Amino acid sequence: MGIVTSAMGVPVPMAIESHCDECAIREASICEVLDAAQLARLRGISTVVTYAPNAPLFEEGSEAQHVSNVIEGTVTLYKLLPDGRRQILGFLYPGDFVGLALDPTYGCSAEATTVVRMCRFPRERLEKMFKDLPALEHRLLEIAGNEIKAAQEQMLLLGRKTARERLASFLLVLSRRAAARGRPASPVDLPMRRSDIGDYLGLTIETVSRTFTQFKKAGLIGLPNQSQVTLLQREILETIAEGN
C-alpha cells in the first residue's frame, strides 16, 4: 500500500476499500461486538485510510466529520498552547479509536507518528446506526469512558509523581495496553521522539534521556534500539511507579 503526496510534496491520506475479514485488530476494535450481518452494514460506510509519518489527521477546532479505528501505526494527540508549544495528550496504537467528539469540532489535534492505517467512518452516518445497533453505541460509550479514565491517570501522573515515577508509569501503561490487545508486553514500542515523551510527561528531553539512562544502568530496562524498551525488572518498575 502506498502513500499519496500532493503536488507540493505534502502527504495526504489514501483511501481504499475496507476488508474486515483481514483486519488484524478486529477483536480489539468497535467491531468486536457486531455479528456478521451488522459488520457488513458497518463495512458499507467505512474506508481504510493511510497517512505518512507527521501527516495531520485533523486539527483542533476543525469540523468533526470522521471517527476512526487505528489499524496500524501510532497516532499522537496534542494541543497547541498560546505560546506555540505543544502539549502531548496521548499516543494511540492499533485498536484505539480516534476522533470521538461531543461537540461539532475536534477538541484536539492529531498527527501520524509513524505510517498509520485507519478504518474511517463518517460521523453522521455512524451515529444514525446507533438506533439499530445499540451494541455499537454501547461499545463507543465504553471507549469514551476509558478515555476519561486515561485523562484522570494523566492528571495524577503530572501532578504528583517524580520523573522516575512518571517514566516508569508510562512504560508500564504501554506494556499493559499492548498485552490487552494480544501483543507482547515487552519490548514496549516507543516510535515517538524523546521530546514528545517529555511533552506528554511534563519533563524536559534532558530529564527523559537521563532517566532512561538511569533505568538502563540499574538493569531495569534494555534499549535494543531507539524505538523499543525491554522491561527487564517489571516488579521494580511497578514499585517505582507507585512511589515506593
Protein backbone atom coordinates (compact mmCIF):
# COMPACT_ATOMS: atom_id res chain seq x y z
CA MET A 1 0.00 0.00 0.00
CA GLY A 2 1.43 3.36 -0.98
CA ILE A 3 1.02 6.86 0.37
CA VAL A 4 -0.20 9.66 -1.84
CA THR A 5 1.54 13.04 -1.88
CA SER A 6 0.23 16.27 -3.33
CA ALA A 7 1.96 18.34 -5.99
CA MET A 8 3.56 20.33 -3.16
CA GLY A 9 5.02 17.18 -1.64
CA VAL A 10 2.65 17.20 1.34
CA PRO A 11 1.46 13.73 2.41
CA VAL A 12 -2.27 13.22 2.09
CA PRO A 13 -4.38 10.22 3.10
CA MET A 14 -5.13 7.48 0.60
CA ALA A 15 -8.47 5.70 0.98
CA ILE A 16 -9.12 2.13 -0.12
CA GLU A 17 -11.98 -0.29 0.33
CA SER A 18 -12.28 -1.80 3.80
CA HIS A 19 -11.60 -5.55 4.19
CA CYS A 20 -12.84 -6.56 7.63
CA ASP A 21 -12.01 -10.25 7.22
CA GLU A 22 -8.31 -9.38 7.00
CA CYS A 23 -8.31 -6.85 9.87
CA ALA A 24 -5.68 -7.74 12.49
CA ILE A 25 -7.28 -5.66 15.26
CA ARG A 26 -10.93 -6.56 14.75
CA GLU A 27 -11.26 -8.23 18.17
CA ALA A 28 -9.84 -5.12 19.88
CA SER A 29 -11.92 -2.58 17.97
CA ILE A 30 -15.51 -1.39 18.00
CA CYS A 31 -16.31 -4.19 15.53
CA GLU A 32 -15.88 -6.96 18.10
CA VAL A 33 -19.48 -6.54 19.36
CA LEU A 34 -21.07 -6.97 15.92
CA ASP A 35 -22.27 -10.13 14.21
CA ALA A 36 -21.59 -10.83 10.52
CA ALA A 37 -24.69 -9.01 9.22
CA GLN A 38 -24.07 -5.97 11.42
CA LEU A 39 -20.42 -5.92 10.44
CA ALA A 40 -21.41 -5.87 6.78
CA ARG A 41 -23.52 -2.74 7.44
CA LEU A 42 -20.64 -1.03 9.19
CA ARG A 43 -18.26 -2.01 6.43
CA GLY A 44 -20.57 -0.30 3.96
CA ILE A 45 -19.74 3.13 5.41
CA SER A 46 -16.04 2.58 6.13
CA THR A 47 -12.83 3.15 4.23
CA VAL A 48 -9.24 2.32 5.14
CA VAL A 49 -7.03 5.42 5.06
CA THR A 50 -3.23 5.56 5.11
CA TYR A 51 -1.20 8.53 6.41
CA ALA A 52 2.52 9.25 6.11
CA PRO A 53 4.60 10.00 9.22
CA ASN A 54 3.96 13.53 10.57
CA ALA A 55 0.85 13.96 8.39
CA PRO A 56 -2.06 15.68 10.17
CA LEU A 57 -5.19 13.59 10.76
CA PHE A 58 -7.24 16.56 11.92
CA GLU A 59 -6.74 19.90 13.67
CA GLU A 60 -8.26 21.24 16.86
CA GLY A 61 -11.36 23.30 16.07
CA SER A 62 -11.96 21.74 12.66
CA GLU A 63 -15.29 20.10 11.88
CA ALA A 64 -15.52 16.61 13.42
CA GLN A 65 -16.52 14.79 10.25
CA HIS A 66 -14.99 11.38 10.89
CA VAL A 67 -14.16 8.89 13.62
CA SER A 68 -11.57 6.18 13.04
CA ASN A 69 -10.08 2.98 14.39
CA VAL A 70 -6.28 2.69 14.29
CA ILE A 71 -5.29 -0.48 12.41
CA GLU A 72 -1.52 0.01 12.22
CA GLY A 73 0.96 2.58 13.47
CA THR A 74 0.91 5.22 16.20
CA VAL A 75 -1.04 8.48 16.44
CA THR A 76 -0.11 11.49 18.59
CA LEU A 77 -2.85 13.64 20.14
CA TYR A 78 -1.90 17.17 21.14
CA LYS A 79 -2.99 20.73 21.85
CA LEU A 80 -1.15 23.89 20.83
CA LEU A 81 -0.56 26.29 23.70
CA PRO A 82 -0.89 30.08 23.21
CA ASP A 83 2.91 30.45 23.11
CA GLY A 84 3.21 27.90 20.30
CA ARG A 85 4.34 24.93 22.37
CA ARG A 86 2.72 21.52 22.01
CA GLN A 87 1.18 19.67 24.92
CA ILE A 88 1.01 15.97 24.09
CA LEU A 89 -2.24 14.47 25.35
CA GLY A 90 -1.59 10.87 24.46
CA PHE A 91 -0.45 8.24 21.99
CA LEU A 92 -2.83 5.87 20.24
CA TYR A 93 -1.98 2.40 18.99
CA PRO A 94 -3.75 -0.33 16.95
CA GLY A 95 -7.21 -0.94 18.38
CA ASP A 96 -7.58 2.61 19.71
CA PHE A 97 -10.30 4.97 18.50
CA VAL A 98 -9.61 8.44 17.10
CA GLY A 99 -11.85 11.46 16.71
CA LEU A 100 -14.58 11.00 19.30
CA ALA A 101 -16.06 14.45 19.92
CA LEU A 102 -19.04 15.67 21.91
CA ASP A 103 -19.01 19.00 20.07
CA PRO A 104 -19.26 19.63 16.31
CA THR A 105 -15.49 20.27 16.25
CA TYR A 106 -12.45 18.31 17.36
CA GLY A 107 -11.18 19.18 20.83
CA CYS A 108 -7.52 18.49 19.98
CA SER A 109 -5.23 17.86 17.03
CA ALA A 110 -3.89 14.51 15.82
CA GLU A 111 -0.99 13.54 13.60
CA ALA A 112 0.56 10.30 12.39
CA THR A 113 3.68 9.45 14.39
CA THR A 114 4.56 6.61 12.02
CA VAL A 115 2.89 5.34 8.86
CA VAL A 116 -0.70 4.94 10.06
CA ARG A 117 -3.59 2.91 8.66
CA MET A 118 -7.06 3.62 9.99
CA CYS A 119 -10.57 2.40 9.33
CA ARG A 120 -12.54 5.63 8.96
CA PHE A 121 -16.29 6.22 9.38
CA PRO A 122 -18.35 9.33 8.56
CA ARG A 123 -19.55 10.56 11.94
CA GLU A 124 -23.13 11.36 10.91
CA ARG A 125 -23.69 8.01 9.20
CA LEU A 126 -22.21 6.14 12.13
CA GLU A 127 -24.46 7.95 14.63
CA LYS A 128 -27.51 7.03 12.54
CA MET A 129 -26.63 3.36 13.03
CA PHE A 130 -26.79 3.57 16.82
CA LYS A 131 -30.59 3.13 16.90
CA ASP A 132 -30.37 -0.16 15.01
CA LEU A 133 -27.06 -1.27 16.54
CA PRO A 134 -27.23 -0.47 20.28
CA ALA A 135 -24.23 -2.73 20.96
CA LEU A 136 -22.13 -0.44 18.78
CA GLU A 137 -23.22 2.66 20.70
CA HIS A 138 -22.52 0.90 24.00
CA ARG A 139 -19.03 -0.01 22.76
CA LEU A 140 -18.30 3.60 21.85
CA LEU A 141 -19.51 4.76 25.27
CA GLU A 142 -17.14 2.23 26.81
CA ILE A 143 -14.29 3.64 24.75
CA ALA A 144 -15.22 7.18 25.83
CA GLY A 145 -15.19 6.02 29.46
CA ASN A 146 -11.71 4.58 29.01
CA GLU A 147 -10.55 7.92 27.59
CA ILE A 148 -11.85 9.72 30.69
CA LYS A 149 -10.03 7.22 32.90
CA ALA A 150 -6.81 7.76 30.94
CA ALA A 151 -7.19 11.55 31.32
CA GLN A 152 -7.58 11.16 35.08
CA GLU A 153 -4.47 8.98 35.26
CA GLN A 154 -2.58 11.59 33.26
CA MET A 155 -3.58 14.30 35.74
CA LEU A 156 -2.17 12.18 38.57
CA LEU A 157 0.96 11.49 36.56
CA LEU A 158 1.68 15.17 36.02
CA GLY A 159 0.57 16.43 39.40
CA ARG A 160 2.04 14.06 41.94
CA LYS A 161 4.83 11.94 40.51
CA THR A 162 8.58 12.40 40.15
CA ALA A 163 10.40 12.00 36.84
CA ARG A 164 11.33 8.37 37.66
CA GLU A 165 7.76 7.60 38.70
CA ARG A 166 6.34 9.22 35.56
CA LEU A 167 8.58 7.33 33.16
CA ALA A 168 8.07 4.00 34.93
CA SER A 169 4.30 4.54 34.89
CA PHE A 170 4.38 5.45 31.20
CA LEU A 171 6.28 2.29 30.22
CA LEU A 172 4.03 0.06 32.31
CA VAL A 173 0.84 1.59 30.89
CA LEU A 174 2.05 0.98 27.33
CA SER A 175 3.05 -2.56 28.27
CA ARG A 176 -0.38 -3.34 29.73
CA ARG A 177 -2.16 -1.82 26.73
CA ALA A 178 -0.11 -3.96 24.35
CA ALA A 179 -0.83 -7.13 26.34
CA ALA A 180 -4.57 -6.33 26.43
CA ARG A 181 -4.55 -6.26 22.62
CA GLY A 182 -2.72 -9.57 22.25
CA ARG A 183 0.72 -8.08 21.59
CA PRO A 184 3.91 -8.76 23.60
CA ALA A 185 4.07 -6.88 26.91
CA SER A 186 7.81 -6.42 26.32
CA PRO A 187 9.58 -4.93 24.50
CA VAL A 188 7.46 -1.78 24.56
CA ASP A 189 7.25 0.11 21.26
CA LEU A 190 8.23 3.79 21.50
CA PRO A 191 8.07 5.18 17.95
CA MET A 192 7.69 8.75 19.18
CA ARG A 193 10.56 11.18 19.81
CA ARG A 194 12.04 11.53 23.28
CA SER A 195 10.92 15.17 23.17
CA ASP A 196 7.32 14.02 22.63
CA ILE A 197 7.57 11.69 25.62
CA GLY A 198 8.82 14.68 27.59
CA ASP A 199 5.90 16.84 26.44
CA TYR A 200 3.48 14.10 27.47
CA LEU A 201 5.08 13.55 30.88
CA GLY A 202 5.74 17.21 31.62
CA LEU A 203 9.53 16.70 31.56
CA THR A 204 12.41 18.14 29.56
CA ILE A 205 14.04 15.97 26.92
CA GLU A 206 17.21 16.02 29.02
CA THR A 207 15.34 14.60 32.02
CA VAL A 208 13.70 11.92 29.89
CA SER A 209 17.03 10.84 28.39
CA ARG A 210 18.76 10.92 31.78
CA THR A 211 16.03 8.81 33.39
CA PHE A 212 16.16 6.24 30.58
CA THR A 213 19.91 6.03 31.12
CA GLN A 214 19.47 5.59 34.88
CA PHE A 215 16.95 2.79 34.37
CA LYS A 216 19.28 1.07 31.90
CA LYS A 217 22.33 1.32 34.17
CA ALA A 218 20.27 -0.11 37.04
CA GLY A 219 19.31 -3.09 34.89
CA LEU A 220 15.62 -2.22 34.95
CA ILE A 221 15.25 -1.84 31.18
CA GLY A 222 17.07 -2.67 27.98
CA LEU A 223 17.29 -0.38 24.97
CA PRO A 224 17.71 -2.67 21.94
CA ASN A 225 17.10 0.32 19.66
CA GLN A 226 15.78 3.89 19.75
CA SER A 227 12.14 2.83 19.35
CA GLN A 228 11.87 -0.08 21.80
CA VAL A 229 12.34 -0.63 25.53
CA THR A 230 12.62 -4.06 27.10
CA LEU A 231 11.22 -4.29 30.64
CA LEU A 232 13.82 -6.39 32.49
CA GLN A 233 12.74 -5.76 36.10
CA ARG A 234 9.00 -5.24 35.91
CA GLU A 235 8.32 -5.58 39.64
CA ILE A 236 10.88 -2.91 40.48
CA LEU A 237 9.43 -0.60 37.83
CA GLU A 238 5.97 -1.11 39.35
CA THR A 239 7.37 -0.25 42.78
CA ILE A 240 8.92 2.95 41.36
CA ALA A 241 5.68 3.86 39.58
CA GLU A 242 3.75 3.53 42.83
CA GLY A 243 6.14 5.93 44.56
CA ASN A 244 7.76 3.33 46.82
